[in-house]
Amino acid sequence: MIDHSVSCPQARRTYSRRKLLAKWRRDPRWQQMLTEHAHIPEAECVYCHRKHGQIWNGKPVKHTINHASRHLYLTEELYLTWDPQYMEITCRPCNRHYERGMKPCPSCLKKGKLVYILDRDFECNPCYLAKNPAELKRAREGQESFKKSIKDYNAGQAKKRRERKVKHPCKSRMVSGRCQRSAIGSRCQYARTKAEAGCMDFIRKKGVKA
């Protein structure tokens, strides 16, 4: 039997890599590194500065070791050997967001919140707008103006549809342009001046002249 399924080479590489890293993390040396460097009371995340075991929003903070340099993933020995130059202590959320190029918002940390922003940013949008009320006012005015323009546009389009229906002499033509006598809801293809002569299903409205 021929297997016609198609697999992505990159997906296979990602799966194999994660499986290999999971195997390395089951090694006693990895657990020893965590015990000696990440799971001690004074261990502090280099990004959010929370300590291991600290209660944050009702849950204890758990730390891990971040391999900040890609060359540490080349071999098992490099991965499982403590190197303070290329390894750093981070909490698990910061470790995940590090791979995405993100960091905690410093202003939110002072408020006891953990919000991640892009590494090139200085603070999140809510914190920036709280310090710049004029920008917040301008942004809200822009949103309201946009909503009003959409509402006005839709109202204008609805008005045009109603006017077209009134001007069209056929009784079966709906506001949307569809024909009520069509089983599949197709649109009327005749102009108001040609509908009576061209359409077999034409029914004149009362009081509407050609």
N, C-alpha and C. Protein backbone atom coordinates (compact mmCIF):
# COMPACT_ATOMS: atom_id res chain seq x y z
N MET A 1 0.85 -1.20 0.00
CA MET A 1 0.00 0.00 0.00
C MET A 1 0.88 1.24 0.00
N ILE A 2 0.58 2.17 -0.89
CA ILE A 2 1.38 3.39 -1.01
C ILE A 2 0.83 4.45 -0.08
N ASP A 3 1.73 5.07 0.70
CA ASP A 3 1.34 6.15 1.60
C ASP A 3 1.44 7.47 0.83
N HIS A 4 0.31 8.10 0.56
CA HIS A 4 0.29 9.34 -0.20
C HIS A 4 0.31 10.57 0.71
N SER A 5 0.47 10.38 2.00
CA SER A 5 0.48 11.53 2.91
C SER A 5 1.75 12.36 2.70
N VAL A 6 1.63 13.65 2.97
CA VAL A 6 2.75 14.58 2.81
C VAL A 6 3.11 15.17 4.17
N SER A 7 4.38 15.14 4.51
CA SER A 7 4.83 15.69 5.78
C SER A 7 5.79 16.82 5.53
N CYS A 8 5.87 17.73 6.49
CA CYS A 8 6.73 18.91 6.37
C CYS A 8 8.10 18.59 6.98
N PRO A 9 9.18 18.74 6.22
CA PRO A 9 10.51 18.46 6.77
C PRO A 9 10.84 19.29 7.99
N GLN A 10 10.43 20.57 7.98
CA GLN A 10 10.72 21.42 9.12
C GLN A 10 9.95 20.97 10.36
N ALA A 11 8.73 20.49 10.16
CA ALA A 11 7.95 19.98 11.29
C ALA A 11 8.61 18.74 11.89
N ARG A 12 9.17 17.88 11.01
CA ARG A 12 9.87 16.69 11.50
C ARG A 12 11.11 17.09 12.28
N ARG A 13 11.85 18.08 11.77
CA ARG A 13 13.05 18.53 12.48
C ARG A 13 12.69 19.12 13.85
N THR A 14 11.62 19.91 13.88
CA THR A 14 11.19 20.51 15.15
C THR A 14 10.79 19.43 16.15
N TYR A 15 10.04 18.44 15.69
CA TYR A 15 9.62 17.35 16.57
C TYR A 15 10.82 16.58 17.09
N SER A 16 11.76 16.25 16.21
CA SER A 16 12.94 15.50 16.61
C SER A 16 13.80 16.29 17.59
N ARG A 17 13.90 17.61 17.35
CA ARG A 17 14.71 18.46 18.23
C ARG A 17 14.10 18.53 19.63
N ARG A 18 12.79 18.70 19.69
CA ARG A 18 12.13 18.77 20.99
C ARG A 18 12.23 17.44 21.73
N LYS A 19 12.15 16.37 20.99
CA LYS A 19 12.28 15.05 21.62
C LYS A 19 13.68 14.86 22.19
N LEU A 20 14.70 15.36 21.47
CA LEU A 20 16.08 15.25 21.94
C LEU A 20 16.29 16.10 23.19
N LEU A 21 15.76 17.33 23.18
CA LEU A 21 15.91 18.20 24.35
C LEU A 21 15.20 17.63 25.56
N ALA A 22 14.05 16.99 25.35
CA ALA A 22 13.33 16.35 26.45
C ALA A 22 14.18 15.22 27.05
N LYS A 23 14.89 14.51 26.20
CA LYS A 23 15.78 13.44 26.67
C LYS A 23 16.92 14.03 27.50
N TRP A 24 17.51 15.14 27.04
CA TRP A 24 18.59 15.77 27.79
C TRP A 24 18.11 16.26 29.16
N ARG A 25 16.87 16.77 29.21
CA ARG A 25 16.36 17.30 30.48
C ARG A 25 16.02 16.20 31.48
N ARG A 26 15.94 14.97 31.01
CA ARG A 26 15.73 13.86 31.96
C ARG A 26 17.04 13.39 32.58
N ASP A 27 18.15 13.92 32.09
CA ASP A 27 19.46 13.55 32.61
C ASP A 27 19.64 14.10 34.04
N PRO A 28 20.23 13.36 34.96
CA PRO A 28 20.45 13.84 36.33
C PRO A 28 21.26 15.13 36.38
N ARG A 29 22.13 15.35 35.39
CA ARG A 29 22.93 16.57 35.39
C ARG A 29 22.06 17.81 35.23
N TRP A 30 21.00 17.70 34.47
CA TRP A 30 20.09 18.85 34.30
C TRP A 30 19.39 19.16 35.62
N GLN A 31 18.92 18.11 36.30
CA GLN A 31 18.27 18.32 37.58
C GLN A 31 19.24 18.90 38.62
N GLN A 32 20.50 18.48 38.53
CA GLN A 32 21.51 19.01 39.46
C GLN A 32 21.77 20.49 39.18
N MET A 33 21.83 20.87 37.92
CA MET A 33 22.02 22.29 37.56
C MET A 33 20.87 23.14 38.09
N LEU A 34 19.65 22.64 37.94
CA LEU A 34 18.50 23.39 38.44
C LEU A 34 18.56 23.54 39.96
N THR A 35 18.94 22.46 40.63
CA THR A 35 18.99 22.48 42.09
C THR A 35 20.05 23.45 42.60
N GLU A 36 21.20 23.49 41.92
CA GLU A 36 22.32 24.31 42.38
C GLU A 36 22.21 25.78 41.98
N HIS A 37 21.51 26.07 40.88
CA HIS A 37 21.53 27.45 40.38
C HIS A 37 20.15 28.10 40.27
N ALA A 38 19.13 27.33 39.87
CA ALA A 38 17.82 27.94 39.62
C ALA A 38 16.84 27.77 40.78
N HIS A 39 16.94 26.69 41.51
CA HIS A 39 15.96 26.40 42.55
C HIS A 39 16.47 26.71 43.95
N ILE A 40 17.27 27.72 44.07
CA ILE A 40 17.73 28.18 45.39
C ILE A 40 16.94 29.44 45.74
N PRO A 41 16.75 29.72 47.04
CA PRO A 41 15.89 30.85 47.44
C PRO A 41 16.34 32.20 46.87
N GLU A 42 17.64 32.39 46.72
CA GLU A 42 18.13 33.68 46.24
C GLU A 42 18.14 33.80 44.72
N ALA A 43 17.76 32.73 44.02
CA ALA A 43 17.75 32.78 42.56
C ALA A 43 16.69 33.77 42.08
N GLU A 44 17.11 34.67 41.19
CA GLU A 44 16.23 35.74 40.71
C GLU A 44 16.19 35.75 39.19
N CYS A 45 15.01 35.88 38.63
CA CYS A 45 14.86 35.95 37.17
C CYS A 45 15.54 37.22 36.67
N VAL A 46 16.36 37.10 35.65
CA VAL A 46 17.11 38.26 35.15
C VAL A 46 16.21 39.25 34.42
N TYR A 47 14.97 38.88 34.12
CA TYR A 47 14.09 39.78 33.36
C TYR A 47 12.99 40.39 34.23
N CYS A 48 12.29 39.57 35.00
CA CYS A 48 11.21 40.11 35.83
C CYS A 48 11.63 40.29 37.29
N HIS A 49 12.81 39.77 37.67
CA HIS A 49 13.40 39.93 39.01
C HIS A 49 12.56 39.26 40.11
N ARG A 50 11.72 38.30 39.73
CA ARG A 50 11.01 37.53 40.74
C ARG A 50 11.90 36.39 41.22
N LYS A 51 11.78 36.05 42.48
CA LYS A 51 12.62 35.00 43.07
C LYS A 51 11.92 33.65 42.97
N HIS A 52 12.74 32.61 42.98
CA HIS A 52 12.20 31.25 42.91
C HIS A 52 11.41 30.95 44.18
N GLY A 53 10.19 30.47 44.00
CA GLY A 53 9.32 30.16 45.12
C GLY A 53 8.48 31.33 45.59
N GLN A 54 8.72 32.52 45.06
CA GLN A 54 7.94 33.68 45.44
C GLN A 54 6.48 33.50 45.02
N ILE A 55 5.56 33.88 45.89
CA ILE A 55 4.13 33.76 45.58
C ILE A 55 3.72 34.95 44.73
N TRP A 56 3.22 34.64 43.54
CA TRP A 56 2.82 35.69 42.60
C TRP A 56 1.42 35.33 42.07
N ASN A 57 0.46 36.18 42.40
CA ASN A 57 -0.94 35.93 42.02
C ASN A 57 -1.42 34.57 42.52
N GLY A 58 -1.00 34.24 43.73
CA GLY A 58 -1.48 33.02 44.37
C GLY A 58 -0.73 31.75 44.02
N LYS A 59 0.30 31.84 43.16
CA LYS A 59 1.05 30.66 42.76
C LYS A 59 2.55 30.90 42.93
N PRO A 60 3.32 29.84 43.29
CA PRO A 60 4.76 30.01 43.45
C PRO A 60 5.45 30.14 42.09
N VAL A 61 6.45 31.00 42.03
CA VAL A 61 7.22 31.20 40.80
C VAL A 61 8.24 30.07 40.68
N LYS A 62 8.34 29.48 39.50
CA LYS A 62 9.29 28.40 39.25
C LYS A 62 10.32 28.85 38.23
N HIS A 63 11.58 28.60 38.54
CA HIS A 63 12.68 29.05 37.68
C HIS A 63 13.25 27.90 36.85
N THR A 64 13.93 28.29 35.79
CA THR A 64 14.64 27.35 34.95
C THR A 64 15.92 28.02 34.46
N ILE A 65 16.65 27.34 33.60
CA ILE A 65 17.90 27.88 33.06
C ILE A 65 17.71 28.17 31.58
N ASN A 66 17.99 29.40 31.19
CA ASN A 66 17.86 29.80 29.79
C ASN A 66 19.23 29.72 29.12
N HIS A 67 19.29 29.02 27.99
CA HIS A 67 20.52 28.94 27.20
C HIS A 67 20.51 30.09 26.20
N ALA A 68 21.17 31.18 26.56
CA ALA A 68 21.09 32.41 25.79
C ALA A 68 21.86 32.35 24.48
N SER A 69 22.76 31.39 24.34
CA SER A 69 23.54 31.26 23.10
C SER A 69 23.16 29.97 22.38
N ARG A 70 23.01 30.04 21.08
CA ARG A 70 22.59 28.87 20.29
C ARG A 70 23.63 27.76 20.28
N HIS A 71 24.90 28.10 20.50
CA HIS A 71 25.92 27.05 20.42
C HIS A 71 25.79 26.04 21.56
N LEU A 72 25.06 26.41 22.63
CA LEU A 72 24.88 25.49 23.75
C LEU A 72 23.96 24.33 23.40
N TYR A 73 23.26 24.42 22.26
CA TYR A 73 22.37 23.36 21.83
C TYR A 73 23.06 22.36 20.89
N LEU A 74 24.33 22.57 20.63
CA LEU A 74 25.03 21.71 19.67
C LEU A 74 25.25 20.30 20.21
N THR A 75 25.65 20.20 21.48
CA THR A 75 25.94 18.89 22.05
C THR A 75 25.30 18.76 23.43
N GLU A 76 25.17 17.54 23.86
CA GLU A 76 24.60 17.29 25.19
C GLU A 76 25.50 17.83 26.29
N GLU A 77 26.81 17.74 26.09
CA GLU A 77 27.74 18.23 27.11
C GLU A 77 27.62 19.73 27.30
N LEU A 78 27.54 20.46 26.19
CA LEU A 78 27.40 21.92 26.29
C LEU A 78 26.07 22.29 26.95
N TYR A 79 25.03 21.57 26.63
CA TYR A 79 23.70 21.87 27.16
C TYR A 79 23.62 21.62 28.66
N LEU A 80 24.32 20.59 29.14
CA LEU A 80 24.20 20.17 30.54
C LEU A 80 25.37 20.61 31.41
N THR A 81 26.22 21.49 30.90
CA THR A 81 27.35 22.00 31.68
C THR A 81 27.11 23.47 31.99
N TRP A 82 27.10 23.82 33.26
CA TRP A 82 26.80 25.20 33.67
C TRP A 82 27.86 26.16 33.15
N ASP A 83 27.41 27.20 32.48
CA ASP A 83 28.29 28.22 31.93
C ASP A 83 27.67 29.59 32.21
N PRO A 84 28.15 30.28 33.26
CA PRO A 84 27.53 31.57 33.63
C PRO A 84 27.65 32.64 32.55
N GLN A 85 28.56 32.46 31.59
CA GLN A 85 28.71 33.45 30.53
C GLN A 85 27.57 33.39 29.52
N TYR A 86 27.07 32.18 29.28
CA TYR A 86 26.04 32.02 28.25
C TYR A 86 24.72 31.47 28.80
N MET A 87 24.65 31.23 30.09
CA MET A 87 23.40 30.75 30.70
C MET A 87 22.90 31.77 31.71
N GLU A 88 21.58 31.83 31.87
CA GLU A 88 21.00 32.77 32.80
C GLU A 88 19.78 32.16 33.48
N ILE A 89 19.49 32.64 34.67
CA ILE A 89 18.35 32.15 35.43
C ILE A 89 17.12 32.97 35.07
N THR A 90 16.07 32.29 34.66
CA THR A 90 14.82 32.96 34.33
C THR A 90 13.64 32.18 34.89
N CYS A 91 12.52 32.86 35.06
CA CYS A 91 11.30 32.14 35.39
C CYS A 91 10.79 31.48 34.11
N ARG A 92 9.90 30.55 34.23
CA ARG A 92 9.43 29.81 33.06
C ARG A 92 8.70 30.70 32.05
N PRO A 93 7.81 31.62 32.48
CA PRO A 93 7.17 32.50 31.49
C PRO A 93 8.17 33.36 30.73
N CYS A 94 9.14 33.93 31.42
CA CYS A 94 10.14 34.77 30.75
C CYS A 94 11.00 33.94 29.81
N ASN A 95 11.26 32.69 30.18
CA ASN A 95 12.05 31.81 29.31
C ASN A 95 11.31 31.53 27.99
N ARG A 96 10.00 31.32 28.07
CA ARG A 96 9.22 31.09 26.86
C ARG A 96 9.16 32.34 25.99
N HIS A 97 8.94 33.49 26.61
CA HIS A 97 8.81 34.73 25.85
C HIS A 97 10.16 35.22 25.32
N TYR A 98 11.24 34.80 25.94
CA TYR A 98 12.57 35.15 25.43
C TYR A 98 12.75 34.63 24.00
N GLU A 99 12.27 33.41 23.74
CA GLU A 99 12.39 32.82 22.42
C GLU A 99 11.54 33.56 21.39
N ARG A 100 10.56 34.32 21.86
CA ARG A 100 9.69 35.09 20.95
C ARG A 100 10.14 36.54 20.82
N GLY A 101 11.27 36.87 21.45
CA GLY A 101 11.77 38.24 21.38
C GLY A 101 10.97 39.21 22.24
N MET A 102 10.51 38.73 23.41
CA MET A 102 9.68 39.58 24.27
C MET A 102 10.26 39.66 25.68
N LYS A 103 9.84 40.68 26.40
CA LYS A 103 10.30 40.91 27.77
C LYS A 103 9.16 41.48 28.59
N PRO A 104 9.25 41.47 29.93
CA PRO A 104 8.18 42.04 30.76
C PRO A 104 8.16 43.56 30.65
N CYS A 105 6.97 44.14 30.71
CA CYS A 105 6.84 45.60 30.76
C CYS A 105 7.28 46.07 32.13
N PRO A 106 8.30 46.93 32.23
CA PRO A 106 8.80 47.36 33.54
C PRO A 106 7.77 48.13 34.35
N SER A 107 6.92 48.91 33.69
CA SER A 107 5.91 49.69 34.41
C SER A 107 4.86 48.77 35.03
N CYS A 108 4.49 47.70 34.31
CA CYS A 108 3.51 46.75 34.85
C CYS A 108 4.09 45.96 36.02
N LEU A 109 5.38 45.66 35.96
CA LEU A 109 6.01 44.93 37.07
C LEU A 109 5.91 45.70 38.38
N LYS A 110 6.03 47.02 38.29
CA LYS A 110 5.92 47.85 39.50
C LYS A 110 4.51 47.80 40.08
N LYS A 111 3.53 47.49 39.23
CA LYS A 111 2.14 47.41 39.68
C LYS A 111 1.76 45.98 40.10
N GLY A 112 2.72 45.06 40.02
CA GLY A 112 2.43 43.68 40.37
C GLY A 112 1.79 42.89 39.26
N LYS A 113 1.94 43.35 38.02
CA LYS A 113 1.38 42.64 36.87
C LYS A 113 2.51 42.18 35.95
N LEU A 114 2.26 41.13 35.20
CA LEU A 114 3.25 40.60 34.27
C LEU A 114 2.67 40.65 32.86
N VAL A 115 3.10 41.66 32.10
CA VAL A 115 2.65 41.85 30.73
C VAL A 115 3.88 41.89 29.84
N TYR A 116 3.90 41.10 28.78
CA TYR A 116 5.07 41.01 27.92
C TYR A 116 4.95 41.92 26.71
N ILE A 117 6.04 42.55 26.36
CA ILE A 117 6.12 43.46 25.23
C ILE A 117 7.30 43.05 24.36
N LEU A 118 7.36 43.58 23.15
CA LEU A 118 8.50 43.30 22.29
C LEU A 118 9.78 43.86 22.91
N ASP A 119 10.88 43.21 22.66
CA ASP A 119 12.14 43.57 23.29
C ASP A 119 12.56 45.01 22.97
N ARG A 120 12.15 45.52 21.79
CA ARG A 120 12.54 46.87 21.41
C ARG A 120 11.67 47.95 22.05
N ASP A 121 10.54 47.55 22.65
CA ASP A 121 9.63 48.52 23.27
C ASP A 121 10.07 48.84 24.70
N PHE A 122 9.59 49.98 25.19
CA PHE A 122 9.93 50.41 26.55
C PHE A 122 8.81 50.10 27.54
N GLU A 123 7.56 50.09 27.07
CA GLU A 123 6.43 49.78 27.93
C GLU A 123 5.23 49.41 27.06
N CYS A 124 4.21 48.83 27.68
CA CYS A 124 3.03 48.42 26.92
C CYS A 124 2.16 49.63 26.62
N ASN A 125 1.21 49.47 25.71
CA ASN A 125 0.34 50.57 25.31
C ASN A 125 -0.49 51.15 26.46
N PRO A 126 -1.12 50.32 27.31
CA PRO A 126 -1.90 50.89 28.42
C PRO A 126 -1.05 51.77 29.35
N CYS A 127 0.18 51.36 29.63
CA CYS A 127 1.06 52.17 30.49
C CYS A 127 1.44 53.48 29.80
N TYR A 128 1.71 53.40 28.50
CA TYR A 128 2.07 54.61 27.75
C TYR A 128 0.91 55.60 27.71
N LEU A 129 -0.30 55.09 27.46
CA LEU A 129 -1.46 55.97 27.37
C LEU A 129 -1.84 56.55 28.73
N ALA A 130 -1.57 55.80 29.80
CA ALA A 130 -1.85 56.33 31.14
C ALA A 130 -0.96 57.53 31.45
N LYS A 131 0.25 57.55 30.89
CA LYS A 131 1.17 58.67 31.10
C LYS A 131 0.95 59.79 30.09
N ASN A 132 0.22 59.50 29.02
CA ASN A 132 -0.01 60.49 27.96
C ASN A 132 -1.51 60.56 27.66
N PRO A 133 -2.28 61.24 28.52
CA PRO A 133 -3.73 61.29 28.33
C PRO A 133 -4.15 61.98 27.03
N ALA A 134 -3.32 62.91 26.53
CA ALA A 134 -3.65 63.57 25.27
C ALA A 134 -3.65 62.57 24.12
N GLU A 135 -2.69 61.64 24.13
CA GLU A 135 -2.63 60.61 23.10
C GLU A 135 -3.83 59.67 23.22
N LEU A 136 -4.22 59.37 24.47
CA LEU A 136 -5.38 58.50 24.69
C LEU A 136 -6.65 59.15 24.15
N LYS A 137 -6.79 60.47 24.42
CA LYS A 137 -7.96 61.20 23.92
C LYS A 137 -7.98 61.20 22.40
N ARG A 138 -6.81 61.42 21.79
CA ARG A 138 -6.72 61.46 20.34
C ARG A 138 -7.06 60.08 19.74
N ALA A 139 -6.58 59.03 20.40
CA ALA A 139 -6.85 57.68 19.90
C ALA A 139 -8.34 57.36 19.97
N ARG A 140 -8.99 57.74 21.07
CA ARG A 140 -10.42 57.48 21.21
C ARG A 140 -11.24 58.30 20.21
N GLU A 141 -10.81 59.53 19.99
CA GLU A 141 -11.51 60.36 19.00
C GLU A 141 -11.38 59.76 17.61
N GLY A 142 -10.19 59.21 17.30
CA GLY A 142 -9.99 58.56 16.01
C GLY A 142 -10.88 57.34 15.86
N GLN A 143 -11.02 56.55 16.94
CA GLN A 143 -11.88 55.37 16.90
C GLN A 143 -13.34 55.75 16.70
N GLU A 144 -13.78 56.79 17.43
CA GLU A 144 -15.17 57.22 17.29
C GLU A 144 -15.44 57.77 15.90
N SER A 145 -14.45 58.51 15.35
CA SER A 145 -14.60 59.06 14.00
C SER A 145 -14.70 57.94 12.97
N PHE A 146 -13.88 56.89 13.17
CA PHE A 146 -13.92 55.76 12.24
C PHE A 146 -15.26 55.03 12.32
N LYS A 147 -15.75 54.81 13.54
CA LYS A 147 -17.04 54.14 13.71
C LYS A 147 -18.17 54.95 13.07
N LYS A 148 -18.10 56.28 13.23
CA LYS A 148 -19.14 57.14 12.65
C LYS A 148 -19.10 57.10 11.12
N SER A 149 -17.86 57.07 10.57
CA SER A 149 -17.75 57.02 9.12
C SER A 149 -18.32 55.72 8.56
N ILE A 150 -18.10 54.62 9.27
CA ILE A 150 -18.66 53.34 8.84
C ILE A 150 -20.18 53.35 8.94
N LYS A 151 -20.68 53.92 10.02
CA LYS A 151 -22.12 54.00 10.21
C LYS A 151 -22.76 54.87 9.13
N ASP A 152 -22.14 56.02 8.83
CA ASP A 152 -22.67 56.90 7.79
C ASP A 152 -22.63 56.23 6.42
N TYR A 153 -21.55 55.51 6.15
CA TYR A 153 -21.44 54.82 4.87
C TYR A 153 -22.53 53.76 4.71
N ASN A 154 -22.75 52.96 5.75
CA ASN A 154 -23.78 51.93 5.70
C ASN A 154 -25.16 52.54 5.54
N ALA A 155 -25.39 53.67 6.23
CA ALA A 155 -26.69 54.34 6.11
C ALA A 155 -26.89 54.86 4.69
N GLY A 156 -25.83 55.39 4.11
CA GLY A 156 -25.92 55.89 2.73
C GLY A 156 -26.20 54.78 1.74
N GLN A 157 -25.53 53.63 1.92
CA GLN A 157 -25.76 52.49 1.04
C GLN A 157 -27.19 51.96 1.17
N ALA A 158 -27.70 51.94 2.41
CA ALA A 158 -29.07 51.48 2.63
C ALA A 158 -30.07 52.43 1.97
N LYS A 159 -29.80 53.72 2.05
CA LYS A 159 -30.67 54.71 1.42
C LYS A 159 -30.71 54.52 -0.10
N LYS A 160 -29.54 54.28 -0.68
CA LYS A 160 -29.48 54.05 -2.13
C LYS A 160 -30.27 52.81 -2.53
N ARG A 161 -30.17 51.75 -1.72
CA ARG A 161 -30.91 50.52 -2.03
C ARG A 161 -32.41 50.76 -1.96
N ARG A 162 -32.85 51.53 -0.96
CA ARG A 162 -34.28 51.83 -0.84
C ARG A 162 -34.77 52.66 -2.02
N GLU A 163 -33.94 53.62 -2.43
CA GLU A 163 -34.32 54.46 -3.56
C GLU A 163 -34.41 53.65 -4.84
N ARG A 164 -33.46 52.73 -5.02
CA ARG A 164 -33.48 51.89 -6.22
C ARG A 164 -34.72 51.00 -6.24
N LYS A 165 -35.12 50.51 -5.07
CA LYS A 165 -36.30 49.66 -5.00
C LYS A 165 -37.56 50.46 -5.34
N VAL A 166 -37.63 51.68 -4.83
CA VAL A 166 -38.80 52.50 -5.09
C VAL A 166 -38.90 52.84 -6.57
N LYS A 167 -37.76 53.14 -7.19
CA LYS A 167 -37.75 53.52 -8.59
C LYS A 167 -38.01 52.33 -9.51
N HIS A 168 -37.65 51.14 -9.08
CA HIS A 168 -37.81 49.96 -9.92
C HIS A 168 -39.30 49.57 -9.95
N PRO A 169 -39.87 49.35 -11.14
CA PRO A 169 -41.31 49.10 -11.23
C PRO A 169 -41.75 47.67 -10.89
N CYS A 170 -40.79 46.74 -10.73
CA CYS A 170 -41.16 45.35 -10.50
C CYS A 170 -41.47 45.11 -9.03
N LYS A 171 -42.56 44.44 -8.79
CA LYS A 171 -43.01 44.16 -7.43
C LYS A 171 -42.13 43.12 -6.74
N SER A 172 -41.48 42.27 -7.51
CA SER A 172 -40.70 41.16 -6.93
C SER A 172 -39.27 41.54 -6.58
N ARG A 173 -38.84 42.72 -7.00
CA ARG A 173 -37.45 43.12 -6.73
C ARG A 173 -37.32 43.60 -5.29
N MET A 174 -36.36 43.01 -4.53
CA MET A 174 -36.16 43.35 -3.13
C MET A 174 -35.20 44.52 -2.99
N VAL A 175 -35.04 45.02 -1.77
CA VAL A 175 -34.14 46.15 -1.51
C VAL A 175 -32.71 45.78 -1.87
N SER A 176 -32.32 44.55 -1.58
CA SER A 176 -30.95 44.10 -1.85
C SER A 176 -30.68 43.85 -3.33
N GLY A 177 -31.75 43.88 -4.17
CA GLY A 177 -31.58 43.61 -5.58
C GLY A 177 -31.95 42.19 -5.98
N ARG A 178 -32.21 41.34 -4.99
CA ARG A 178 -32.59 39.96 -5.31
C ARG A 178 -34.05 39.88 -5.76
N CYS A 179 -34.33 38.84 -6.53
CA CYS A 179 -35.69 38.61 -7.03
C CYS A 179 -36.41 37.63 -6.11
N GLN A 180 -37.57 38.01 -5.64
CA GLN A 180 -38.33 37.14 -4.73
C GLN A 180 -38.86 35.90 -5.43
N ARG A 181 -38.99 35.95 -6.75
CA ARG A 181 -39.52 34.82 -7.50
C ARG A 181 -38.44 33.82 -7.88
N SER A 182 -37.19 34.14 -7.55
CA SER A 182 -36.09 33.24 -7.87
C SER A 182 -35.94 32.18 -6.79
N ALA A 183 -35.85 30.92 -7.19
CA ALA A 183 -35.72 29.82 -6.21
C ALA A 183 -34.35 29.81 -5.54
N ILE A 184 -33.36 30.37 -6.21
CA ILE A 184 -32.00 30.38 -5.64
C ILE A 184 -31.59 31.76 -5.16
N GLY A 185 -32.51 32.69 -5.17
CA GLY A 185 -32.22 34.03 -4.65
C GLY A 185 -31.27 34.85 -5.51
N SER A 186 -31.35 34.66 -6.83
CA SER A 186 -30.46 35.41 -7.72
C SER A 186 -30.90 36.87 -7.81
N ARG A 187 -29.97 37.73 -8.20
CA ARG A 187 -30.25 39.15 -8.29
C ARG A 187 -30.98 39.48 -9.59
N CYS A 188 -31.76 40.54 -9.54
CA CYS A 188 -32.46 41.02 -10.73
C CYS A 188 -31.44 41.58 -11.72
N GLN A 189 -31.52 41.15 -12.97
CA GLN A 189 -30.53 41.56 -13.96
C GLN A 189 -31.04 42.63 -14.92
N TYR A 190 -32.24 43.16 -14.62
CA TYR A 190 -32.83 44.13 -15.53
C TYR A 190 -32.88 45.52 -14.90
N ALA A 191 -32.59 46.52 -15.71
CA ALA A 191 -32.75 47.90 -15.28
C ALA A 191 -34.23 48.23 -15.22
N ARG A 192 -34.58 49.30 -14.51
CA ARG A 192 -36.00 49.62 -14.32
C ARG A 192 -36.70 49.97 -15.63
N THR A 193 -35.93 50.44 -16.62
CA THR A 193 -36.53 50.79 -17.91
C THR A 193 -36.68 49.59 -18.85
N LYS A 194 -36.03 48.47 -18.51
CA LYS A 194 -36.06 47.31 -19.40
C LYS A 194 -36.67 46.07 -18.74
N ALA A 195 -37.04 46.17 -17.48
CA ALA A 195 -37.52 45.00 -16.75
C ALA A 195 -38.83 44.47 -17.33
N GLU A 196 -39.78 45.36 -17.64
CA GLU A 196 -41.09 44.91 -18.10
C GLU A 196 -41.00 44.19 -19.44
N ALA A 197 -40.12 44.68 -20.31
CA ALA A 197 -40.01 44.08 -21.64
C ALA A 197 -39.15 42.81 -21.64
N GLY A 198 -38.19 42.73 -20.73
CA GLY A 198 -37.25 41.62 -20.78
C GLY A 198 -37.50 40.49 -19.81
N CYS A 199 -38.16 40.77 -18.70
CA CYS A 199 -38.32 39.74 -17.65
C CYS A 199 -39.68 39.05 -17.77
N MET A 200 -39.67 37.72 -17.79
CA MET A 200 -40.91 36.95 -17.90
C MET A 200 -41.68 36.95 -16.57
N ASP A 201 -40.97 37.22 -15.45
CA ASP A 201 -41.61 37.19 -14.14
C ASP A 201 -41.99 38.59 -13.65
N PHE A 202 -41.98 39.56 -14.55
CA PHE A 202 -42.23 40.94 -14.17
C PHE A 202 -43.66 41.12 -13.67
N ILE A 203 -43.80 41.79 -12.51
CA ILE A 203 -45.10 42.14 -11.93
C ILE A 203 -45.03 43.61 -11.56
N ARG A 204 -45.84 44.44 -12.23
CA ARG A 204 -45.76 45.88 -11.99
C ARG A 204 -46.34 46.26 -10.64
N LYS A 205 -45.64 47.21 -10.00
CA LYS A 205 -46.15 47.77 -8.75
C LYS A 205 -47.35 48.67 -9.04
N LYS A 206 -48.22 48.75 -8.06
CA LYS A 206 -49.37 49.62 -8.23
C LYS A 206 -48.94 51.09 -8.10
N GLY A 207 -49.38 51.88 -9.02
CA GLY A 207 -49.10 53.31 -8.94
C GLY A 207 -47.75 53.72 -9.47
N VAL A 208 -46.92 52.78 -9.97
CA VAL A 208 -45.60 53.10 -10.49
C VAL A 208 -45.67 53.07 -12.00
N LYS A 209 -45.32 54.21 -12.61
CA LYS A 209 -45.37 54.30 -14.08
C LYS A 209 -44.05 53.92 -14.69
N ALA A 210 -44.08 53.51 -15.93
CA ALA A 210 -42.87 53.11 -16.64
C ALA A 210 -42.00 54.32 -16.93
